[in-house]
Amino acid sequence: MDENPEILSFVKALASADRLRIVGVLVRGKASQSEIAEQLHLPTRDVFNHLAFLVEVGIAHEEDGLYDLNEKAVESFARGQFKGKRPSFEAKEEKPEDVRKVLKNYLNADGTLKQIPPQGNKLLIILSFIVDAFAYDTDYTEKEVNTILRRFHVDTAALRRYLVDNGLMARESDGSRYWRIRRDAE
């Protein structure tokens, strides 16, 4: 059941508010047990127990009565825990490789935009992905368009403008009605 006892111990070590406060002191530099107890207004015995646990887990080490944060161990635990686990957007295989690459680079795993690409081919690829959220032969109010676009990015005005300027959607001059434009290739 316990696949990685080191990570479990690491998490347990940082699950205590007092141990986190001790780590905060050690981040600033080496300190003795009594200095830590004084800075944090904790009983010396509690600090001793917390430090012993931090040393046992490998988060801190002690030398000549001074405790120091083992930054390499903390970094190693963190990297090991999250290594290869950042989800990313995976485009469908039927799309060309260059399109899949742009979508993967600009979209989060949930399909939201990390950022709106600058003008050019990358922007057109992203806009083509977004416009698929709109049905043909349907009229949308500006509010409805914003609601759909907000699923992708908070800057709905920019996305609306880019969709219209790039011929993927059209609108009435007063902005009262929007609709998706059929393209020859579709």
N, C-alpha and C. Protein backbone atom coordinates (compact mmCIF):
# COMPACT_ATOMS: atom_id res chain seq x y z
N MET A 1 0.83 -1.20 0.00
CA MET A 1 0.00 0.00 0.00
C MET A 1 0.86 1.25 0.00
N ASP A 2 1.94 1.25 0.77
CA ASP A 2 2.81 2.42 0.88
C ASP A 2 3.89 2.34 -0.19
N GLU A 3 3.65 2.95 -1.34
CA GLU A 3 4.55 2.86 -2.46
C GLU A 3 5.84 3.65 -2.27
N ASN A 4 5.78 4.78 -1.55
CA ASN A 4 6.95 5.63 -1.40
C ASN A 4 7.02 6.16 0.04
N PRO A 5 7.66 5.39 0.94
CA PRO A 5 7.69 5.81 2.34
C PRO A 5 8.44 7.12 2.57
N GLU A 6 9.42 7.43 1.71
CA GLU A 6 10.16 8.68 1.88
C GLU A 6 9.25 9.89 1.69
N ILE A 7 8.42 9.83 0.68
CA ILE A 7 7.50 10.94 0.42
C ILE A 7 6.48 11.05 1.55
N LEU A 8 6.00 9.92 2.04
CA LEU A 8 5.04 9.93 3.13
C LEU A 8 5.66 10.58 4.37
N SER A 9 6.89 10.22 4.69
CA SER A 9 7.58 10.83 5.83
C SER A 9 7.79 12.32 5.61
N PHE A 10 8.14 12.69 4.39
CA PHE A 10 8.35 14.10 4.06
C PHE A 10 7.07 14.89 4.27
N VAL A 11 5.97 14.36 3.80
CA VAL A 11 4.67 15.03 3.96
C VAL A 11 4.28 15.11 5.43
N LYS A 12 4.50 14.04 6.15
CA LYS A 12 4.20 14.05 7.59
C LYS A 12 5.04 15.10 8.31
N ALA A 13 6.30 15.22 7.90
CA ALA A 13 7.19 16.20 8.54
C ALA A 13 6.68 17.61 8.35
N LEU A 14 6.11 17.89 7.20
CA LEU A 14 5.64 19.24 6.90
C LEU A 14 4.16 19.43 7.24
N ALA A 15 3.53 18.41 7.80
CA ALA A 15 2.12 18.51 8.15
C ALA A 15 1.90 19.22 9.48
N SER A 16 2.96 19.47 10.20
CA SER A 16 2.87 20.15 11.49
C SER A 16 3.16 21.63 11.31
N ALA A 17 2.29 22.46 11.84
CA ALA A 17 2.50 23.91 11.74
C ALA A 17 3.79 24.32 12.44
N ASP A 18 4.08 23.73 13.59
CA ASP A 18 5.31 24.08 14.30
C ASP A 18 6.55 23.66 13.50
N ARG A 19 6.50 22.47 12.88
CA ARG A 19 7.66 22.05 12.07
C ARG A 19 7.82 22.96 10.86
N LEU A 20 6.73 23.39 10.27
CA LEU A 20 6.83 24.35 9.16
C LEU A 20 7.46 25.66 9.62
N ARG A 21 7.09 26.10 10.80
CA ARG A 21 7.68 27.33 11.35
C ARG A 21 9.18 27.13 11.59
N ILE A 22 9.57 25.94 12.07
CA ILE A 22 10.99 25.64 12.28
C ILE A 22 11.73 25.65 10.94
N VAL A 23 11.13 25.04 9.93
CA VAL A 23 11.73 25.06 8.59
C VAL A 23 11.88 26.51 8.12
N GLY A 24 10.88 27.35 8.42
CA GLY A 24 10.97 28.77 8.07
C GLY A 24 12.16 29.45 8.72
N VAL A 25 12.46 29.10 9.96
CA VAL A 25 13.64 29.65 10.64
C VAL A 25 14.91 29.14 9.96
N LEU A 26 14.94 27.85 9.64
CA LEU A 26 16.13 27.26 9.04
C LEU A 26 16.38 27.74 7.61
N VAL A 27 15.35 28.18 6.95
CA VAL A 27 15.52 28.75 5.60
C VAL A 27 16.42 29.98 5.66
N ARG A 28 16.33 30.71 6.75
CA ARG A 28 17.14 31.93 6.91
C ARG A 28 18.58 31.64 7.31
N GLY A 29 18.86 30.42 7.72
CA GLY A 29 20.24 30.05 8.07
C GLY A 29 20.27 29.11 9.25
N LYS A 30 21.49 28.69 9.61
CA LYS A 30 21.69 27.76 10.72
C LYS A 30 21.22 28.37 12.03
N ALA A 31 20.72 27.49 12.92
CA ALA A 31 20.27 27.96 14.22
C ALA A 31 20.36 26.82 15.22
N SER A 32 20.57 27.18 16.47
CA SER A 32 20.59 26.18 17.53
C SER A 32 19.16 25.91 17.99
N GLN A 33 19.03 24.82 18.73
CA GLN A 33 17.72 24.45 19.27
C GLN A 33 17.16 25.57 20.15
N SER A 34 17.98 26.14 21.00
CA SER A 34 17.50 27.20 21.89
C SER A 34 17.14 28.47 21.12
N GLU A 35 17.90 28.79 20.07
CA GLU A 35 17.58 29.97 19.25
C GLU A 35 16.22 29.80 18.56
N ILE A 36 15.97 28.60 18.07
CA ILE A 36 14.70 28.34 17.40
C ILE A 36 13.56 28.43 18.40
N ALA A 37 13.75 27.83 19.58
CA ALA A 37 12.72 27.87 20.63
C ALA A 37 12.41 29.31 21.01
N GLU A 38 13.44 30.12 21.12
CA GLU A 38 13.26 31.53 21.51
C GLU A 38 12.53 32.31 20.42
N GLN A 39 12.95 32.11 19.16
CA GLN A 39 12.33 32.85 18.05
C GLN A 39 10.85 32.50 17.88
N LEU A 40 10.53 31.24 18.10
CA LEU A 40 9.16 30.78 17.85
C LEU A 40 8.29 30.72 19.10
N HIS A 41 8.90 31.04 20.24
CA HIS A 41 8.19 31.00 21.52
C HIS A 41 7.58 29.62 21.76
N LEU A 42 8.40 28.60 21.54
CA LEU A 42 7.99 27.21 21.76
C LEU A 42 8.83 26.61 22.89
N PRO A 43 8.28 25.63 23.60
CA PRO A 43 9.08 24.95 24.61
C PRO A 43 10.28 24.24 23.96
N THR A 44 11.42 24.28 24.62
CA THR A 44 12.65 23.69 24.09
C THR A 44 12.45 22.20 23.79
N ARG A 45 11.73 21.51 24.64
CA ARG A 45 11.50 20.08 24.44
C ARG A 45 10.72 19.82 23.15
N ASP A 46 9.72 20.65 22.86
CA ASP A 46 8.96 20.50 21.61
C ASP A 46 9.85 20.74 20.40
N VAL A 47 10.68 21.77 20.50
CA VAL A 47 11.59 22.07 19.39
C VAL A 47 12.55 20.90 19.19
N PHE A 48 13.06 20.33 20.29
CA PHE A 48 13.95 19.18 20.20
C PHE A 48 13.26 18.02 19.46
N ASN A 49 12.02 17.72 19.83
CA ASN A 49 11.30 16.62 19.18
C ASN A 49 11.05 16.90 17.69
N HIS A 50 10.66 18.12 17.38
CA HIS A 50 10.43 18.48 15.98
C HIS A 50 11.72 18.40 15.18
N LEU A 51 12.79 18.91 15.72
CA LEU A 51 14.08 18.87 15.02
C LEU A 51 14.54 17.43 14.81
N ALA A 52 14.35 16.60 15.82
CA ALA A 52 14.73 15.19 15.69
C ALA A 52 13.99 14.54 14.52
N PHE A 53 12.70 14.84 14.41
CA PHE A 53 11.91 14.27 13.31
C PHE A 53 12.39 14.82 11.96
N LEU A 54 12.65 16.13 11.90
CA LEU A 54 13.13 16.73 10.64
C LEU A 54 14.48 16.14 10.23
N VAL A 55 15.34 15.87 11.19
CA VAL A 55 16.64 15.26 10.90
C VAL A 55 16.44 13.81 10.43
N GLU A 56 15.59 13.07 11.12
CA GLU A 56 15.33 11.67 10.77
C GLU A 56 14.81 11.54 9.34
N VAL A 57 13.94 12.46 8.95
CA VAL A 57 13.35 12.44 7.61
C VAL A 57 14.34 12.95 6.56
N GLY A 58 15.30 13.75 6.97
CA GLY A 58 16.30 14.26 6.04
C GLY A 58 16.06 15.69 5.60
N ILE A 59 15.09 16.35 6.19
CA ILE A 59 14.79 17.73 5.83
C ILE A 59 15.81 18.69 6.45
N ALA A 60 16.33 18.31 7.62
CA ALA A 60 17.34 19.13 8.30
C ALA A 60 18.49 18.23 8.70
N HIS A 61 19.62 18.86 9.00
CA HIS A 61 20.74 18.11 9.57
C HIS A 61 21.37 18.94 10.66
N GLU A 62 22.05 18.23 11.57
CA GLU A 62 22.63 18.89 12.74
C GLU A 62 24.14 18.68 12.73
N GLU A 63 24.86 19.75 13.03
CA GLU A 63 26.31 19.66 13.14
C GLU A 63 26.75 20.65 14.21
N ASP A 64 27.45 20.13 15.21
CA ASP A 64 27.97 20.94 16.32
C ASP A 64 26.86 21.76 17.00
N GLY A 65 25.70 21.17 17.17
CA GLY A 65 24.61 21.85 17.87
C GLY A 65 23.84 22.86 17.04
N LEU A 66 24.21 23.00 15.78
CA LEU A 66 23.49 23.91 14.89
C LEU A 66 22.71 23.09 13.86
N TYR A 67 21.49 23.50 13.65
CA TYR A 67 20.63 22.82 12.68
C TYR A 67 20.57 23.65 11.41
N ASP A 68 20.52 22.92 10.29
CA ASP A 68 20.49 23.58 8.99
C ASP A 68 19.50 22.84 8.10
N LEU A 69 18.85 23.57 7.22
CA LEU A 69 17.91 22.99 6.28
C LEU A 69 18.69 22.24 5.20
N ASN A 70 18.27 21.04 4.90
CA ASN A 70 18.88 20.25 3.84
C ASN A 70 18.13 20.58 2.55
N GLU A 71 18.51 21.69 1.93
CA GLU A 71 17.79 22.19 0.75
C GLU A 71 17.78 21.19 -0.40
N LYS A 72 18.89 20.48 -0.57
CA LYS A 72 18.95 19.49 -1.67
C LYS A 72 17.94 18.37 -1.45
N ALA A 73 17.78 17.94 -0.21
CA ALA A 73 16.80 16.88 0.08
C ALA A 73 15.38 17.39 -0.17
N VAL A 74 15.09 18.61 0.28
CA VAL A 74 13.76 19.17 0.08
C VAL A 74 13.47 19.30 -1.41
N GLU A 75 14.44 19.79 -2.16
CA GLU A 75 14.26 19.94 -3.61
C GLU A 75 14.09 18.57 -4.27
N SER A 76 14.86 17.61 -3.84
CA SER A 76 14.77 16.26 -4.40
C SER A 76 13.41 15.64 -4.12
N PHE A 77 12.90 15.79 -2.89
CA PHE A 77 11.57 15.27 -2.57
C PHE A 77 10.52 15.92 -3.45
N ALA A 78 10.60 17.23 -3.58
CA ALA A 78 9.61 17.96 -4.38
C ALA A 78 9.67 17.55 -5.85
N ARG A 79 10.88 17.51 -6.39
CA ARG A 79 11.02 17.12 -7.80
C ARG A 79 10.54 15.69 -8.03
N GLY A 80 10.89 14.80 -7.13
CA GLY A 80 10.48 13.41 -7.27
C GLY A 80 8.98 13.24 -7.21
N GLN A 81 8.34 14.03 -6.39
CA GLN A 81 6.90 13.93 -6.23
C GLN A 81 6.16 14.40 -7.48
N PHE A 82 6.67 15.44 -8.11
CA PHE A 82 5.94 16.03 -9.24
C PHE A 82 6.53 15.68 -10.60
N LYS A 83 7.62 14.94 -10.62
CA LYS A 83 8.28 14.61 -11.87
C LYS A 83 7.33 13.87 -12.82
N GLY A 84 7.19 14.41 -14.01
CA GLY A 84 6.39 13.77 -15.03
C GLY A 84 4.90 13.75 -14.75
N LYS A 85 4.44 14.50 -13.77
CA LYS A 85 3.02 14.44 -13.41
C LYS A 85 2.26 15.69 -13.82
N ARG A 86 2.90 16.60 -14.48
CA ARG A 86 2.18 17.79 -14.92
C ARG A 86 1.35 17.43 -16.13
N PRO A 87 0.05 17.47 -16.00
CA PRO A 87 -0.77 17.09 -17.13
C PRO A 87 -0.67 18.15 -18.24
N SER A 88 -0.75 17.68 -19.45
CA SER A 88 -0.73 18.62 -20.56
C SER A 88 -1.84 18.24 -21.54
N PHE A 89 -2.19 19.17 -22.38
CA PHE A 89 -3.25 18.95 -23.35
C PHE A 89 -2.75 17.99 -24.42
N GLU A 90 -3.56 17.02 -24.76
CA GLU A 90 -3.22 16.08 -25.82
C GLU A 90 -4.24 16.22 -26.94
N ALA A 91 -3.78 16.68 -28.09
CA ALA A 91 -4.67 16.86 -29.24
C ALA A 91 -4.96 15.50 -29.88
N LYS A 92 -6.08 15.41 -30.54
CA LYS A 92 -6.46 14.17 -31.21
C LYS A 92 -5.46 13.86 -32.32
N GLU A 93 -5.22 12.58 -32.52
CA GLU A 93 -4.21 12.12 -33.49
C GLU A 93 -4.52 12.51 -34.93
N GLU A 94 -5.81 12.75 -35.26
CA GLU A 94 -6.12 13.06 -36.65
C GLU A 94 -5.63 14.45 -37.08
N LYS A 95 -5.26 15.26 -36.12
CA LYS A 95 -4.76 16.60 -36.44
C LYS A 95 -3.29 16.49 -36.87
N PRO A 96 -2.85 17.36 -37.78
CA PRO A 96 -1.44 17.34 -38.21
C PRO A 96 -0.49 17.59 -37.03
N GLU A 97 0.71 17.10 -37.13
CA GLU A 97 1.70 17.20 -36.05
C GLU A 97 1.95 18.64 -35.62
N ASP A 98 2.06 19.58 -36.58
CA ASP A 98 2.32 20.98 -36.21
C ASP A 98 1.16 21.57 -35.42
N VAL A 99 -0.06 21.18 -35.75
CA VAL A 99 -1.25 21.66 -35.03
C VAL A 99 -1.25 21.08 -33.62
N ARG A 100 -0.98 19.78 -33.50
CA ARG A 100 -0.93 19.14 -32.18
C ARG A 100 0.13 19.80 -31.29
N LYS A 101 1.26 20.14 -31.87
CA LYS A 101 2.35 20.75 -31.11
C LYS A 101 1.94 22.14 -30.59
N VAL A 102 1.31 22.94 -31.42
CA VAL A 102 0.86 24.27 -31.00
C VAL A 102 -0.19 24.15 -29.91
N LEU A 103 -1.15 23.24 -30.08
CA LEU A 103 -2.19 23.07 -29.08
C LEU A 103 -1.58 22.63 -27.75
N LYS A 104 -0.64 21.71 -27.79
CA LYS A 104 0.00 21.24 -26.56
C LYS A 104 0.77 22.37 -25.88
N ASN A 105 1.41 23.23 -26.65
CA ASN A 105 2.21 24.33 -26.07
C ASN A 105 1.36 25.45 -25.50
N TYR A 106 0.19 25.70 -26.06
CA TYR A 106 -0.62 26.85 -25.64
C TYR A 106 -1.83 26.49 -24.77
N LEU A 107 -2.15 25.20 -24.63
CA LEU A 107 -3.32 24.82 -23.86
C LEU A 107 -2.94 24.04 -22.60
N ASN A 108 -3.66 24.29 -21.53
CA ASN A 108 -3.53 23.50 -20.32
C ASN A 108 -4.24 22.17 -20.55
N ALA A 109 -4.06 21.24 -19.62
CA ALA A 109 -4.67 19.91 -19.75
C ALA A 109 -6.19 19.98 -19.89
N ASP A 110 -6.81 20.99 -19.27
CA ASP A 110 -8.27 21.11 -19.33
C ASP A 110 -8.76 21.86 -20.56
N GLY A 111 -7.85 22.25 -21.46
CA GLY A 111 -8.24 22.94 -22.68
C GLY A 111 -8.29 24.45 -22.57
N THR A 112 -7.97 25.00 -21.39
CA THR A 112 -7.89 26.45 -21.25
C THR A 112 -6.57 26.95 -21.81
N LEU A 113 -6.57 28.21 -22.21
CA LEU A 113 -5.35 28.79 -22.78
C LEU A 113 -4.37 29.21 -21.70
N LYS A 114 -3.11 28.82 -21.89
CA LYS A 114 -2.05 29.32 -21.00
C LYS A 114 -1.85 30.81 -21.30
N GLN A 115 -1.84 31.12 -22.58
CA GLN A 115 -1.75 32.50 -23.06
C GLN A 115 -2.26 32.54 -24.49
N ILE A 116 -2.66 33.73 -24.91
CA ILE A 116 -3.11 33.90 -26.29
C ILE A 116 -1.85 34.12 -27.13
N PRO A 117 -1.64 33.29 -28.16
CA PRO A 117 -0.44 33.46 -28.97
C PRO A 117 -0.46 34.77 -29.75
N PRO A 118 0.71 35.26 -30.13
CA PRO A 118 0.75 36.48 -30.94
C PRO A 118 0.16 36.20 -32.33
N GLN A 119 -0.07 37.25 -33.08
CA GLN A 119 -0.63 37.10 -34.42
C GLN A 119 0.17 36.08 -35.22
N GLY A 120 -0.49 35.39 -36.12
CA GLY A 120 0.21 34.45 -36.99
C GLY A 120 -0.45 33.09 -36.99
N ASN A 121 0.30 32.12 -37.49
CA ASN A 121 -0.22 30.77 -37.66
C ASN A 121 -0.64 30.13 -36.33
N LYS A 122 0.13 30.37 -35.28
CA LYS A 122 -0.20 29.78 -33.97
C LYS A 122 -1.55 30.32 -33.48
N LEU A 123 -1.79 31.60 -33.66
CA LEU A 123 -3.06 32.18 -33.25
C LEU A 123 -4.21 31.54 -34.05
N LEU A 124 -4.02 31.35 -35.35
CA LEU A 124 -5.07 30.74 -36.18
C LEU A 124 -5.37 29.31 -35.73
N ILE A 125 -4.35 28.57 -35.34
CA ILE A 125 -4.57 27.20 -34.86
C ILE A 125 -5.39 27.22 -33.58
N ILE A 126 -5.04 28.12 -32.67
CA ILE A 126 -5.77 28.23 -31.40
C ILE A 126 -7.21 28.69 -31.66
N LEU A 127 -7.39 29.68 -32.53
CA LEU A 127 -8.74 30.16 -32.84
C LEU A 127 -9.59 29.08 -33.49
N SER A 128 -8.98 28.27 -34.35
CA SER A 128 -9.71 27.16 -34.98
C SER A 128 -10.14 26.14 -33.94
N PHE A 129 -9.33 25.94 -32.92
CA PHE A 129 -9.69 25.05 -31.82
C PHE A 129 -10.85 25.64 -31.03
N ILE A 130 -10.79 26.92 -30.74
CA ILE A 130 -11.82 27.59 -29.93
C ILE A 130 -13.15 27.67 -30.66
N VAL A 131 -13.11 27.99 -31.95
CA VAL A 131 -14.36 28.19 -32.69
C VAL A 131 -15.20 26.91 -32.76
N ASP A 132 -14.57 25.76 -32.53
CA ASP A 132 -15.33 24.51 -32.52
C ASP A 132 -16.33 24.45 -31.38
N ALA A 133 -16.22 25.35 -30.41
CA ALA A 133 -17.18 25.40 -29.30
C ALA A 133 -18.50 26.05 -29.74
N PHE A 134 -18.50 26.65 -30.92
CA PHE A 134 -19.70 27.32 -31.44
C PHE A 134 -20.33 26.48 -32.53
N ALA A 135 -21.64 26.39 -32.49
CA ALA A 135 -22.37 25.61 -33.50
C ALA A 135 -22.63 26.49 -34.73
N TYR A 136 -22.73 25.83 -35.88
CA TYR A 136 -23.14 26.54 -37.10
C TYR A 136 -24.63 26.81 -37.01
N ASP A 137 -25.11 27.75 -37.79
CA ASP A 137 -26.54 28.06 -37.89
C ASP A 137 -27.16 28.40 -36.54
N THR A 138 -26.38 29.01 -35.67
CA THR A 138 -26.87 29.44 -34.36
C THR A 138 -26.45 30.88 -34.15
N ASP A 139 -27.36 31.68 -33.69
CA ASP A 139 -27.04 33.07 -33.34
C ASP A 139 -26.73 33.14 -31.86
N TYR A 140 -25.71 33.91 -31.53
CA TYR A 140 -25.29 34.07 -30.13
C TYR A 140 -25.31 35.55 -29.78
N THR A 141 -25.72 35.85 -28.57
CA THR A 141 -25.58 37.22 -28.07
C THR A 141 -24.14 37.40 -27.62
N GLU A 142 -23.73 38.64 -27.41
CA GLU A 142 -22.36 38.88 -26.95
C GLU A 142 -22.13 38.21 -25.59
N LYS A 143 -23.15 38.23 -24.76
CA LYS A 143 -23.03 37.60 -23.45
C LYS A 143 -22.81 36.10 -23.58
N GLU A 144 -23.53 35.46 -24.50
CA GLU A 144 -23.36 34.02 -24.72
C GLU A 144 -21.97 33.72 -25.27
N VAL A 145 -21.50 34.56 -26.19
CA VAL A 145 -20.15 34.38 -26.74
C VAL A 145 -19.12 34.49 -25.62
N ASN A 146 -19.28 35.50 -24.77
CA ASN A 146 -18.34 35.69 -23.66
C ASN A 146 -18.34 34.49 -22.71
N THR A 147 -19.51 33.95 -22.45
CA THR A 147 -19.61 32.79 -21.56
C THR A 147 -18.85 31.61 -22.14
N ILE A 148 -18.98 31.37 -23.42
CA ILE A 148 -18.27 30.26 -24.07
C ILE A 148 -16.77 30.54 -24.10
N LEU A 149 -16.39 31.76 -24.45
CA LEU A 149 -14.96 32.10 -24.55
C LEU A 149 -14.27 32.09 -23.20
N ARG A 150 -15.01 32.42 -22.14
CA ARG A 150 -14.41 32.44 -20.80
C ARG A 150 -13.94 31.05 -20.39
N ARG A 151 -14.51 30.03 -20.98
CA ARG A 151 -14.06 28.67 -20.71
C ARG A 151 -12.61 28.49 -21.18
N PHE A 152 -12.18 29.29 -22.13
CA PHE A 152 -10.82 29.19 -22.67
C PHE A 152 -9.85 30.21 -22.07
N HIS A 153 -10.33 31.44 -21.83
CA HIS A 153 -9.44 32.51 -21.37
C HIS A 153 -10.28 33.66 -20.83
N VAL A 154 -9.72 34.42 -19.90
CA VAL A 154 -10.48 35.53 -19.31
C VAL A 154 -10.61 36.73 -20.25
N ASP A 155 -9.70 36.87 -21.20
CA ASP A 155 -9.76 38.01 -22.12
C ASP A 155 -10.71 37.70 -23.27
N THR A 156 -12.00 37.72 -22.96
CA THR A 156 -13.01 37.37 -23.96
C THR A 156 -13.10 38.40 -25.08
N ALA A 157 -12.83 39.66 -24.77
CA ALA A 157 -12.91 40.71 -25.80
C ALA A 157 -11.87 40.46 -26.89
N ALA A 158 -10.66 40.11 -26.49
CA ALA A 158 -9.60 39.84 -27.47
C ALA A 158 -9.96 38.62 -28.31
N LEU A 159 -10.41 37.57 -27.67
CA LEU A 159 -10.77 36.36 -28.42
C LEU A 159 -11.91 36.63 -29.40
N ARG A 160 -12.92 37.38 -28.96
CA ARG A 160 -14.03 37.74 -29.85
C ARG A 160 -13.51 38.48 -31.07
N ARG A 161 -12.68 39.48 -30.81
CA ARG A 161 -12.13 40.30 -31.89
C ARG A 161 -11.29 39.44 -32.85
N TYR A 162 -10.44 38.57 -32.31
CA TYR A 162 -9.61 37.71 -33.16
C TYR A 162 -10.46 36.75 -34.00
N LEU A 163 -11.52 36.20 -33.41
CA LEU A 163 -12.39 35.28 -34.17
C LEU A 163 -13.07 36.00 -35.33
N VAL A 164 -13.51 37.23 -35.09
CA VAL A 164 -14.17 38.01 -36.15
C VAL A 164 -13.14 38.48 -37.18
N ASP A 165 -12.02 39.03 -36.71
CA ASP A 165 -11.00 39.55 -37.62
C ASP A 165 -10.40 38.46 -38.52
N ASN A 166 -10.37 37.23 -38.03
CA ASN A 166 -9.79 36.14 -38.81
C ASN A 166 -10.84 35.34 -39.58
N GLY A 167 -12.07 35.86 -39.63
CA GLY A 167 -13.09 35.27 -40.47
C GLY A 167 -13.67 33.95 -39.98
N LEU A 168 -13.51 33.68 -38.70
CA LEU A 168 -14.08 32.45 -38.15
C LEU A 168 -15.49 32.67 -37.62
N MET A 169 -15.77 33.91 -37.22
CA MET A 169 -17.10 34.29 -36.77
C MET A 169 -17.42 35.65 -37.37
N ALA A 170 -18.71 35.96 -37.38
CA ALA A 170 -19.16 37.26 -37.85
C ALA A 170 -20.08 37.85 -36.78
N ARG A 171 -20.29 39.19 -36.90
CA ARG A 171 -21.18 39.84 -35.93
C ARG A 171 -21.88 41.00 -36.60
N GLU A 172 -23.01 41.36 -36.01
CA GLU A 172 -23.70 42.58 -36.43
C GLU A 172 -22.82 43.75 -36.00
N SER A 173 -22.94 44.86 -36.71
CA SER A 173 -22.09 46.02 -36.41
C SER A 173 -22.30 46.54 -34.98
N ASP A 174 -23.47 46.33 -34.42
CA ASP A 174 -23.72 46.80 -33.05
C ASP A 174 -23.36 45.73 -32.00
N GLY A 175 -22.87 44.57 -32.46
CA GLY A 175 -22.47 43.51 -31.54
C GLY A 175 -23.62 42.75 -30.92
N SER A 176 -24.82 42.91 -31.47
CA SER A 176 -26.00 42.27 -30.87
C SER A 176 -26.13 40.80 -31.25
N ARG A 177 -25.44 40.39 -32.31
CA ARG A 177 -25.58 39.01 -32.78
C ARG A 177 -24.25 38.54 -33.36
N TYR A 178 -23.87 37.31 -32.97
CA TYR A 178 -22.66 36.67 -33.49
C TYR A 178 -23.04 35.33 -34.06
N TRP A 179 -22.30 34.85 -35.06
CA TRP A 179 -22.53 33.53 -35.62
C TRP A 179 -21.23 32.99 -36.22
N ARG A 180 -21.17 31.67 -36.28
CA ARG A 180 -19.98 31.01 -36.82
C ARG A 180 -20.08 30.97 -38.34
N ILE A 181 -18.99 31.25 -39.00
CA ILE A 181 -18.95 31.27 -40.47
C ILE A 181 -18.47 29.91 -40.97
N ARG A 182 -19.17 29.39 -41.99
CA ARG A 182 -18.74 28.15 -42.62
C ARG A 182 -17.56 28.47 -43.53
N ARG A 183 -16.55 27.62 -43.43
CA ARG A 183 -15.38 27.78 -44.32
C ARG A 183 -15.43 26.69 -45.36
N ASP A 184 -14.81 26.93 -46.50
CA ASP A 184 -14.88 25.99 -47.62
C ASP A 184 -14.35 24.60 -47.25
N ALA A 185 -13.33 24.55 -46.43
CA ALA A 185 -12.71 23.27 -46.08
C ALA A 185 -13.56 22.46 -45.12
N GLU A 186 -14.59 23.07 -44.51
CA GLU A 186 -15.38 22.37 -43.49
C GLU A 186 -16.60 21.71 -44.08
